[in-house]
Amino acid sequence: MVGKSSHLNIIIENNTYHKSICANIYVLIPPFECKKSFSCISFLLCFLPVPPQIMNISSDITVNEGSSVTLLCLAIGRPEPTVTWRHLSVKEGQGFVSEDEYLEISDIKRDQSGEYECSALNDVAAPDVRKVKITVNYPPYISKAKNTGVSVGQKGILSCEASAVPMAEFQWFKEDTRLATGLGGVRIENKGRISTLTFFNVSEKDYGNYTCVATNKLGNTNASITLYEISPSSAVAGPGAVIDGVNSASRALACLWLSGTLFAHFFIKF
């Protein structure tokens, strides 16, 4: 490369030494003829390779579903590093997102929440890696609610499971009446995504339809769950059936034969 002005003529010749980027720079004093004299000055300027370093990266961010998100990752190094974004909260091999300093996500979905990794690489040293977390808020939806059959006098449990960010708050209703722990012999327990309504001694008046309502700042949803009566003699279930509000895989059968005044009583378990 040659650069000229009214005062100087600069000639730069590029070279590489041991991964160093160097330049022979000749400074010519007018009349721009480099001879074996003091009118030509030569010196060697070298640029050593510099490992990649991320200098600026976006902070963790919380957004509502449907919003647009832009993440920034600025890195320096010599040679100039390549910047890559990767979504860590997906299956192996499916996390590549972008090869750019900026990562833009429009109409973000709940499954796009999680950690995003920025990697800066220039083959001089190990890549510099930083992470940003995106939290995506979305309204509740009830993922599990099951009708339950219980005999009179037994314990019964209705369960309601809801997914939401922020986490949902639960309420239980029977018809238009809101239920509360200690009223009518029931207990309400909320643990994370699951809310349960427990009847300690089911009576006839307890049977019917109940409504589970899940709410957060983005909205609410509800599900109707039925507590229905079953007779004690029908309390025989195969694997996975619900009896007295508890998952059961017991298989047993009680049999009674009558013949005149004689009878035989057998209990079979299999």
C-alpha atoms as a PDB file:
ATOM      1  CA  MET A   1       0.000   0.000   0.000  1.00  0.00           C
ATOM      2  CA  VAL A   2       1.312   3.451  -0.925  1.00  0.00           C
ATOM      3  CA  GLY A   3       0.108   6.729   0.536  1.00  0.00           C
ATOM      4  CA  LYS A   4       1.251  10.162  -0.590  1.00  0.00           C
ATOM      5  CA  SER A   5       0.996  13.695   0.675  1.00  0.00           C
ATOM      6  CA  SER A   6       2.836  16.907  -0.091  1.00  0.00           C
ATOM      7  CA  HIS A   7       5.281  16.035   2.643  1.00  0.00           C
ATOM      8  CA  LEU A   8       5.604  12.249   2.886  1.00  0.00           C
ATOM      9  CA  ASN A   9       5.339   9.119   0.809  1.00  0.00           C
ATOM     10  CA  ILE A  10       4.439   6.016   2.868  1.00  0.00           C
ATOM     11  CA  ILE A  11       4.906   2.470   1.536  1.00  0.00           C
ATOM     12  CA  ILE A  12       3.583  -0.507   3.554  1.00  0.00           C
ATOM     13  CA  GLU A  13       4.514  -4.107   2.713  1.00  0.00           C
ATOM     14  CA  ASN A  14       2.598  -6.806   4.600  1.00  0.00           C
ATOM     15  CA  ASN A  15       4.318  -9.842   6.102  1.00  0.00           C
ATOM     16  CA  THR A  16       3.447 -12.537   8.620  1.00  0.00           C
ATOM     17  CA  TYR A  17       5.817 -13.825  11.278  1.00  0.00           C
ATOM     18  CA  HIS A  18       4.804 -16.622  13.650  1.00  0.00           C
ATOM     19  CA  LYS A  19       1.104 -15.678  13.481  1.00  0.00           C
ATOM     20  CA  SER A  20       2.009 -12.017  13.922  1.00  0.00           C
ATOM     21  CA  ILE A  21       0.706  -9.542  11.391  1.00  0.00           C
ATOM     22  CA  CYS A  22       3.588  -7.267  10.426  1.00  0.00           C
ATOM     23  CA  ALA A  23       4.146  -4.396   8.042  1.00  0.00           C
ATOM     24  CA  ASN A  24       7.343  -2.937   6.590  1.00  0.00           C
ATOM     25  CA  ILE A  25       6.735   0.787   6.542  1.00  0.00           C
ATOM     26  CA  TYR A  26       8.904   3.084   4.467  1.00  0.00           C
ATOM     27  CA  VAL A  27       8.640   6.815   4.977  1.00  0.00           C
ATOM     28  CA  LEU A  28      10.013   8.745   2.024  1.00  0.00           C
ATOM     29  CA  ILE A  29      11.015  12.351   2.293  1.00  0.00           C
ATOM     30  CA  PRO A  30      10.568  14.494  -0.863  1.00  0.00           C
ATOM     31  CA  PRO A  31      11.384  14.192  -3.714  1.00  0.00           C
ATOM     32  CA  PHE A  32       9.940  10.691  -2.978  1.00  0.00           C
ATOM     33  CA  GLU A  33      12.991   8.683  -4.000  1.00  0.00           C
ATOM     34  CA  CYS A  34      14.196   6.054  -1.586  1.00  0.00           C
ATOM     35  CA  LYS A  35      17.934   5.795  -1.994  1.00  0.00           C
ATOM     36  CA  LYS A  36      20.698   4.754   0.296  1.00  0.00           C
ATOM     37  CA  SER A  37      20.565   7.980   2.157  1.00  0.00           C
ATOM     38  CA  PHE A  38      18.936   9.497   5.202  1.00  0.00           C
ATOM     39  CA  SER A  39      16.033  10.637   3.060  1.00  0.00           C
ATOM     40  CA  CYS A  40      14.362   7.203   3.477  1.00  0.00           C
ATOM     41  CA  ILE A  41      13.308   5.875   6.872  1.00  0.00           C
ATOM     42  CA  SER A  42      12.231   2.208   7.271  1.00  0.00           C
ATOM     43  CA  PHE A  43      10.781   0.474  10.307  1.00  0.00           C
ATOM     44  CA  LEU A  44       8.841  -2.712  11.063  1.00  0.00           C
ATOM     45  CA  LEU A  45       5.464  -2.515  12.752  1.00  0.00           C
ATOM     46  CA  CYS A  46       3.917  -5.768  14.021  1.00  0.00           C
ATOM     47  CA  PHE A  47       0.398  -6.503  15.252  1.00  0.00           C
ATOM     48  CA  LEU A  48       0.357  -9.474  17.620  1.00  0.00           C
ATOM     49  CA  PRO A  49      -2.720 -11.763  17.632  1.00  0.00           C
ATOM     50  CA  VAL A  50      -5.193 -11.007  20.418  1.00  0.00           C
ATOM     51  CA  PRO A  51      -7.529 -13.637  21.939  1.00  0.00           C
ATOM     52  CA  PRO A  52     -11.259 -12.955  21.606  1.00  0.00           C
ATOM     53  CA  GLN A  53     -12.912 -11.023  24.407  1.00  0.00           C
ATOM     54  CA  ILE A  54     -16.596 -10.152  24.784  1.00  0.00           C
ATOM     55  CA  MET A  55     -16.741  -6.499  25.792  1.00  0.00           C
ATOM     56  CA  ASN A  56     -20.480  -5.860  25.858  1.00  0.00           C
ATOM     57  CA  ILE A  57     -23.465  -8.202  26.089  1.00  0.00           C
ATOM     58  CA  SER A  58     -27.163  -7.736  26.803  1.00  0.00           C
ATOM     59  CA  SER A  59     -28.478  -8.258  30.329  1.00  0.00           C
ATOM     60  CA  ASP A  60     -31.032 -10.915  31.291  1.00  0.00           C
ATOM     61  CA  ILE A  61     -34.464  -9.890  30.075  1.00  0.00           C
ATOM     62  CA  THR A  62     -38.127 -10.687  30.816  1.00  0.00           C
ATOM     63  CA  VAL A  63     -40.733 -10.152  28.081  1.00  0.00           C
ATOM     64  CA  ASN A  64     -44.330 -11.106  27.360  1.00  0.00           C
ATOM     65  CA  GLU A  65     -45.077 -13.767  24.768  1.00  0.00           C
ATOM     66  CA  GLY A  66     -45.445 -12.204  21.321  1.00  0.00           C
ATOM     67  CA  SER A  67     -42.898  -9.448  21.945  1.00  0.00           C
ATOM     68  CA  SER A  68     -39.783  -8.766  19.858  1.00  0.00           C
ATOM     69  CA  VAL A  69     -36.354  -9.253  21.426  1.00  0.00           C
ATOM     70  CA  THR A  70     -32.899  -8.074  20.323  1.00  0.00           C
ATOM     71  CA  LEU A  71     -29.746  -9.338  22.033  1.00  0.00           C
ATOM     72  CA  LEU A  72     -26.312  -7.766  21.507  1.00  0.00           C
ATOM     73  CA  CYS A  73     -22.863  -9.324  21.895  1.00  0.00           C
ATOM     74  CA  LEU A  74     -19.806  -7.203  20.988  1.00  0.00           C
ATOM     75  CA  ALA A  75     -16.347  -8.789  20.962  1.00  0.00           C
ATOM     76  CA  ILE A  76     -12.801  -7.671  20.150  1.00  0.00           C
ATOM     77  CA  GLY A  77      -9.687  -9.583  19.117  1.00  0.00           C
ATOM     78  CA  ARG A  78      -7.134  -9.915  16.315  1.00  0.00           C
ATOM     79  CA  PRO A  79      -8.078 -11.330  13.881  1.00  0.00           C
ATOM     80  CA  GLU A  80     -11.615 -10.052  14.365  1.00  0.00           C
ATOM     81  CA  PRO A  81     -13.587 -12.816  16.131  1.00  0.00           C
ATOM     82  CA  THR A  82     -16.662 -14.535  14.766  1.00  0.00           C
ATOM     83  CA  VAL A  83     -19.669 -14.122  17.073  1.00  0.00           C
ATOM     84  CA  THR A  84     -22.225 -16.929  17.337  1.00  0.00           C
ATOM     85  CA  TRP A  85     -25.497 -17.124  19.298  1.00  0.00           C
ATOM     86  CA  ARG A  86     -26.895 -20.474  20.468  1.00  0.00           C
ATOM     87  CA  HIS A  87     -30.089 -21.368  22.378  1.00  0.00           C
ATOM     88  CA  LEU A  88     -29.086 -23.721  25.196  1.00  0.00           C
ATOM     89  CA  SER A  89     -32.595 -24.702  26.315  1.00  0.00           C
ATOM     90  CA  VAL A  90     -33.326 -26.961  23.342  1.00  0.00           C
ATOM     91  CA  LYS A  91     -32.351 -30.485  22.330  1.00  0.00           C
ATOM     92  CA  GLU A  92     -28.743 -31.242  21.454  1.00  0.00           C
ATOM     93  CA  GLY A  93     -27.910 -30.209  17.910  1.00  0.00           C
ATOM     94  CA  GLN A  94     -30.909 -27.894  17.552  1.00  0.00           C
ATOM     95  CA  GLY A  95     -29.575 -24.886  19.439  1.00  0.00           C
ATOM     96  CA  PHE A  96     -27.859 -22.901  16.665  1.00  0.00           C
ATOM     97  CA  VAL A  97     -29.544 -19.536  16.245  1.00  0.00           C
ATOM     98  CA  SER A  98     -27.371 -16.924  14.544  1.00  0.00           C
ATOM     99  CA  GLU A  99     -23.843 -16.013  13.480  1.00  0.00           C
ATOM    100  CA  ASP A 100     -23.958 -12.292  14.119  1.00  0.00           C
ATOM    101  CA  GLU A 101     -23.396  -9.762  16.882  1.00  0.00           C
ATOM    102  CA  TYR A 102     -27.134  -9.146  17.019  1.00  0.00           C
ATOM    103  CA  LEU A 103     -29.756 -11.797  17.711  1.00  0.00           C
ATOM    104  CA  GLU A 104     -33.272 -10.717  16.779  1.00  0.00           C
ATOM    105  CA  ILE A 105     -36.368 -12.729  17.746  1.00  0.00           C
ATOM    106  CA  SER A 106     -39.761 -11.484  16.593  1.00  0.00           C
ATOM    107  CA  ASP A 107     -43.060 -12.718  18.068  1.00  0.00           C
ATOM    108  CA  ILE A 108     -41.227 -14.706  20.744  1.00  0.00           C
ATOM    109  CA  LYS A 109     -42.865 -17.926  22.003  1.00  0.00           C
ATOM    110  CA  ARG A 110     -42.766 -19.554  25.428  1.00  0.00           C
ATOM    111  CA  ASP A 111     -40.582 -22.401  24.154  1.00  0.00           C
ATOM    112  CA  GLN A 112     -37.957 -19.811  23.165  1.00  0.00           C
ATOM    113  CA  SER A 113     -37.328 -18.885  26.787  1.00  0.00           C
ATOM    114  CA  GLY A 114     -34.155 -19.982  28.543  1.00  0.00           C
ATOM    115  CA  GLU A 115     -30.424 -19.339  28.233  1.00  0.00           C
ATOM    116  CA  TYR A 116     -28.746 -17.996  25.094  1.00  0.00           C
ATOM    117  CA  GLU A 117     -24.988 -18.379  24.743  1.00  0.00           C
ATOM    118  CA  CYS A 118     -22.776 -15.902  22.893  1.00  0.00           C
ATOM    119  CA  SER A 119     -19.431 -17.302  21.723  1.00  0.00           C
ATOM    120  CA  ALA A 120     -16.579 -15.215  20.245  1.00  0.00           C
ATOM    121  CA  LEU A 121     -13.910 -17.202  18.344  1.00  0.00           C
ATOM    122  CA  ASN A 122     -10.844 -16.261  16.271  1.00  0.00           C
ATOM    123  CA  ASP A 123      -8.642 -19.413  16.555  1.00  0.00           C
ATOM    124  CA  VAL A 124      -6.004 -17.588  18.613  1.00  0.00           C
ATOM    125  CA  ALA A 125      -7.241 -19.007  21.906  1.00  0.00           C
ATOM    126  CA  ALA A 126     -10.290 -20.686  23.401  1.00  0.00           C
ATOM    127  CA  PRO A 127     -13.544 -18.853  22.614  1.00  0.00           C
ATOM    128  CA  ASP A 128     -14.894 -16.307  25.069  1.00  0.00           C
ATOM    129  CA  VAL A 129     -18.385 -17.369  26.148  1.00  0.00           C
ATOM    130  CA  ARG A 130     -21.135 -15.442  27.955  1.00  0.00           C
ATOM    131  CA  LYS A 131     -24.807 -16.188  28.594  1.00  0.00           C
ATOM    132  CA  VAL A 132     -28.066 -14.241  28.615  1.00  0.00           C
ATOM    133  CA  LYS A 133     -31.360 -15.519  30.051  1.00  0.00           C
ATOM    134  CA  ILE A 134     -34.698 -14.713  28.415  1.00  0.00           C
ATOM    135  CA  THR A 135     -37.841 -15.227  30.515  1.00  0.00           C
ATOM    136  CA  VAL A 136     -41.077 -15.322  28.522  1.00  0.00           C
ATOM    137  CA  ASN A 137     -44.273 -14.517  30.421  1.00  0.00           C
ATOM    138  CA  TYR A 138     -47.500 -16.168  29.255  1.00  0.00           C
ATOM    139  CA  PRO A 139     -51.039 -16.588  30.619  1.00  0.00           C
ATOM    140  CA  PRO A 140     -52.082 -19.788  32.433  1.00  0.00           C
ATOM    141  CA  TYR A 141     -53.403 -22.883  30.761  1.00  0.00           C
ATOM    142  CA  ILE A 142     -54.659 -25.914  32.680  1.00  0.00           C
ATOM    143  CA  SER A 143     -52.749 -28.975  31.567  1.00  0.00           C
ATOM    144  CA  LYS A 144     -54.315 -31.579  33.860  1.00  0.00           C
ATOM    145  CA  ALA A 145     -57.696 -31.863  35.609  1.00  0.00           C
ATOM    146  CA  LYS A 146     -59.401 -35.186  36.317  1.00  0.00           C
ATOM    147  CA  ASN A 147     -62.861 -36.158  37.557  1.00  0.00           C
ATOM    148  CA  THR A 148     -62.751 -38.283  40.704  1.00  0.00           C
ATOM    149  CA  GLY A 149     -65.101 -40.882  42.172  1.00  0.00           C
ATOM    150  CA  VAL A 150     -65.326 -41.347  45.959  1.00  0.00           C
ATOM    151  CA  SER A 151     -67.605 -43.257  48.327  1.00  0.00           C
ATOM    152  CA  VAL A 152     -69.585 -41.491  51.059  1.00  0.00           C
ATOM    153  CA  GLY A 153     -67.514 -41.135  54.224  1.00  0.00           C
ATOM    154  CA  GLN A 154     -64.210 -41.510  52.429  1.00  0.00           C
ATOM    155  CA  LYS A 155     -61.457 -38.999  51.666  1.00  0.00           C
ATOM    156  CA  GLY A 156     -61.550 -37.379  48.237  1.00  0.00           C
ATOM    157  CA  ILE A 157     -59.059 -35.177  46.375  1.00  0.00           C
ATOM    158  CA  LEU A 158     -59.588 -33.051  43.284  1.00  0.00           C
ATOM    159  CA  SER A 159     -56.413 -31.898  41.532  1.00  0.00           C
ATOM    160  CA  CYS A 160     -55.756 -29.084  39.073  1.00  0.00           C
ATOM    161  CA  GLU A 161     -52.422 -28.450  37.298  1.00  0.00           C
ATOM    162  CA  ALA A 162     -51.665 -25.225  35.410  1.00  0.00           C
ATOM    163  CA  SER A 163     -48.637 -23.965  33.488  1.00  0.00           C
ATOM    164  CA  ALA A 164     -47.944 -20.205  33.544  1.00  0.00           C
ATOM    165  CA  VAL A 165     -45.200 -17.575  33.851  1.00  0.00           C
ATOM    166  CA  PRO A 166     -45.356 -15.913  36.316  1.00  0.00           C
ATOM    167  CA  MET A 167     -46.710 -18.875  38.278  1.00  0.00           C
ATOM    168  CA  ALA A 168     -50.492 -19.016  38.516  1.00  0.00           C
ATOM    169  CA  GLU A 169     -52.578 -18.399  41.620  1.00  0.00           C
ATOM    170  CA  PHE A 170     -55.496 -20.798  42.165  1.00  0.00           C
ATOM    171  CA  GLN A 171     -59.073 -20.480  43.345  1.00  0.00           C
ATOM    172  CA  TRP A 172     -61.760 -23.146  43.743  1.00  0.00           C
ATOM    173  CA  PHE A 173     -65.504 -22.644  43.311  1.00  0.00           C
ATOM    174  CA  LYS A 174     -68.638 -24.748  43.659  1.00  0.00           C
ATOM    175  CA  GLU A 175     -71.312 -23.101  41.561  1.00  0.00           C
ATOM    176  CA  ASP A 176     -70.857 -19.391  42.444  1.00  0.00           C
ATOM    177  CA  THR A 177     -69.393 -19.967  45.907  1.00  0.00           C
ATOM    178  CA  ARG A 178     -65.675 -19.581  46.431  1.00  0.00           C
ATOM    179  CA  LEU A 179     -64.206 -22.292  48.655  1.00  0.00           C
ATOM    180  CA  ALA A 180     -61.634 -21.779  51.399  1.00  0.00           C
ATOM    181  CA  THR A 181     -59.641 -24.035  53.693  1.00  0.00           C
ATOM    182  CA  GLY A 182     -61.563 -24.924  56.850  1.00  0.00           C
ATOM    183  CA  LEU A 183     -64.991 -24.136  55.411  1.00  0.00           C
ATOM    184  CA  GLY A 184     -67.242 -27.125  54.801  1.00  0.00           C
ATOM    185  CA  GLY A 185     -64.567 -29.613  55.835  1.00  0.00           C
ATOM    186  CA  VAL A 186     -62.244 -28.954  52.887  1.00  0.00           C
ATOM    187  CA  ARG A 187     -58.598 -27.989  52.537  1.00  0.00           C
ATOM    188  CA  ILE A 188     -56.971 -26.174  49.604  1.00  0.00           C
ATOM    189  CA  GLU A 189     -53.233 -26.613  49.002  1.00  0.00           C
ATOM    190  CA  ASN A 190     -51.221 -24.849  46.303  1.00  0.00           C
ATOM    191  CA  LYS A 191     -47.785 -26.254  45.536  1.00  0.00           C
ATOM    192  CA  GLY A 192     -46.120 -24.800  42.464  1.00  0.00           C
ATOM    193  CA  ARG A 193     -48.116 -25.719  39.375  1.00  0.00           C
ATOM    194  CA  ILE A 194     -50.607 -27.932  41.259  1.00  0.00           C
ATOM    195  CA  SER A 195     -53.599 -27.060  43.423  1.00  0.00           C
ATOM    196  CA  THR A 196     -55.587 -29.695  45.331  1.00  0.00           C
ATOM    197  CA  LEU A 197     -59.010 -29.579  46.961  1.00  0.00           C
ATOM    198  CA  THR A 198     -59.301 -32.212  49.716  1.00  0.00           C
ATOM    199  CA  PHE A 199     -62.520 -33.547  51.297  1.00  0.00           C
ATOM    200  CA  PHE A 200     -61.744 -35.402  54.531  1.00  0.00           C
ATOM    201  CA  ASN A 201     -65.185 -36.999  54.954  1.00  0.00           C
ATOM    202  CA  VAL A 202     -67.230 -36.899  51.767  1.00  0.00           C
ATOM    203  CA  SER A 203     -70.980 -36.452  52.196  1.00  0.00           C
ATOM    204  CA  GLU A 204     -73.826 -36.391  49.677  1.00  0.00           C
ATOM    205  CA  LYS A 205     -73.759 -32.598  49.514  1.00  0.00           C
ATOM    206  CA  ASP A 206     -70.117 -32.636  48.383  1.00  0.00           C
ATOM    207  CA  TYR A 207     -70.842 -34.355  45.080  1.00  0.00           C
ATOM    208  CA  GLY A 208     -71.107 -32.162  42.002  1.00  0.00           C
ATOM    209  CA  ASN A 209     -69.113 -29.896  39.707  1.00  0.00           C
ATOM    210  CA  TYR A 210     -66.218 -27.769  40.926  1.00  0.00           C
ATOM    211  CA  THR A 211     -64.328 -25.068  39.054  1.00  0.00           C
ATOM    212  CA  CYS A 212     -60.584 -24.566  39.292  1.00  0.00           C
ATOM    213  CA  VAL A 213     -59.474 -21.057  38.259  1.00  0.00           C
ATOM    214  CA  ALA A 214     -55.803 -20.289  37.502  1.00  0.00           C
ATOM    215  CA  THR A 215     -54.763 -16.627  37.251  1.00  0.00           C
ATOM    216  CA  ASN A 216     -51.658 -14.520  36.665  1.00  0.00           C
ATOM    217  CA  LYS A 217     -51.096 -10.928  35.498  1.00  0.00           C
ATOM    218  CA  LEU A 218     -51.545 -11.896  31.841  1.00  0.00           C
ATOM    219  CA  GLY A 219     -54.911 -13.623  32.159  1.00  0.00           C
ATOM    220  CA  ASN A 220     -56.846 -16.537  33.603  1.00  0.00           C
ATOM    221  CA  THR A 221     -58.331 -19.869  32.651  1.00  0.00           C
ATOM    222  CA  ASN A 222     -60.576 -22.431  34.335  1.00  0.00           C
ATOM    223  CA  ALA A 223     -61.568 -26.074  34.254  1.00  0.00           C
ATOM    224  CA  SER A 224     -64.632 -27.913  35.513  1.00  0.00           C
ATOM    225  CA  ILE A 225     -63.935 -31.008  37.630  1.00  0.00           C
ATOM    226  CA  THR A 226     -66.561 -33.418  38.944  1.00  0.00           C
ATOM    227  CA  LEU A 227     -66.592 -35.222  42.279  1.00  0.00           C
ATOM    228  CA  TYR A 228     -68.978 -38.131  41.778  1.00  0.00           C
ATOM    229  CA  GLU A 229     -70.258 -40.935  43.992  1.00  0.00           C
ATOM    230  CA  ILE A 230     -69.231 -44.541  43.727  1.00  0.00           C
ATOM    231  CA  SER A 231     -70.493 -47.406  45.859  1.00  0.00           C
ATOM    232  CA  PRO A 232     -68.028 -49.231  48.121  1.00  0.00           C
ATOM    233  CA  SER A 233     -68.575 -52.472  46.194  1.00  0.00           C
ATOM    234  CA  SER A 234     -67.396 -50.807  42.981  1.00  0.00           C
ATOM    235  CA  ALA A 235     -64.097 -49.768  44.493  1.00  0.00           C
ATOM    236  CA  VAL A 236     -62.131 -52.290  42.439  1.00  0.00           C
ATOM    237  CA  ALA A 237     -59.661 -50.796  40.030  1.00  0.00           C
ATOM    238  CA  GLY A 238     -57.028 -51.791  37.537  1.00  0.00           C
ATOM    239  CA  PRO A 239     -53.620 -50.115  37.253  1.00  0.00           C
ATOM    240  CA  GLY A 240     -53.726 -46.338  37.387  1.00  0.00           C
ATOM    241  CA  ALA A 241     -57.347 -45.925  38.526  1.00  0.00           C
ATOM    242  CA  VAL A 242     -58.158 -43.353  41.208  1.00  0.00           C
ATOM    243  CA  ILE A 243     -59.834 -44.527  44.392  1.00  0.00           C
ATOM    244  CA  ASP A 244     -60.389 -42.233  47.371  1.00  0.00           C
ATOM    245  CA  GLY A 245     -58.342 -39.608  45.591  1.00  0.00           C
ATOM    246  CA  VAL A 246     -55.207 -41.786  45.548  1.00  0.00           C
ATOM    247  CA  ASN A 247     -53.650 -43.426  42.514  1.00  0.00           C
ATOM    248  CA  SER A 248     -53.994 -47.171  42.916  1.00  0.00           C
ATOM    249  CA  ALA A 249     -52.744 -50.185  41.060  1.00  0.00           C
ATOM    250  CA  SER A 250     -54.236 -52.717  43.491  1.00  0.00           C
ATOM    251  CA  ARG A 251     -56.182 -55.620  42.009  1.00  0.00           C
ATOM    252  CA  ALA A 252     -58.325 -57.481  44.518  1.00  0.00           C
ATOM    253  CA  LEU A 253     -61.753 -59.093  44.475  1.00  0.00           C
ATOM    254  CA  ALA A 254     -64.048 -60.055  47.352  1.00  0.00           C
ATOM    255  CA  CYS A 255     -66.618 -62.777  46.523  1.00  0.00           C
ATOM    256  CA  LEU A 256     -69.605 -64.048  48.545  1.00  0.00           C
ATOM    257  CA  TRP A 257     -71.710 -67.095  47.635  1.00  0.00           C
ATOM    258  CA  LEU A 258     -75.008 -67.913  49.391  1.00  0.00           C
ATOM    259  CA  SER A 259     -76.569 -71.358  49.318  1.00  0.00           C
ATOM    260  CA  GLY A 260     -79.593 -71.761  51.578  1.00  0.00           C
ATOM    261  CA  THR A 261     -78.348 -70.954  55.052  1.00  0.00           C
ATOM    262  CA  LEU A 262     -74.725 -71.704  54.207  1.00  0.00           C
ATOM    263  CA  PHE A 263     -72.331 -69.218  52.679  1.00  0.00           C
ATOM    264  CA  ALA A 264     -68.687 -69.070  51.647  1.00  0.00           C
ATOM    265  CA  HIS A 265     -66.559 -65.905  51.649  1.00  0.00           C
ATOM    266  CA  PHE A 266     -63.385 -65.725  49.557  1.00  0.00           C
ATOM    267  CA  PHE A 267     -60.823 -62.936  49.136  1.00  0.00           C
ATOM    268  CA  ILE A 268     -58.780 -63.228  45.983  1.00  0.00           C
ATOM    269  CA  LYS A 269     -55.708 -61.072  45.268  1.00  0.00           C
ATOM    270  CA  PHE A 270     -53.914 -61.240  41.921  1.00  0.00           C
END
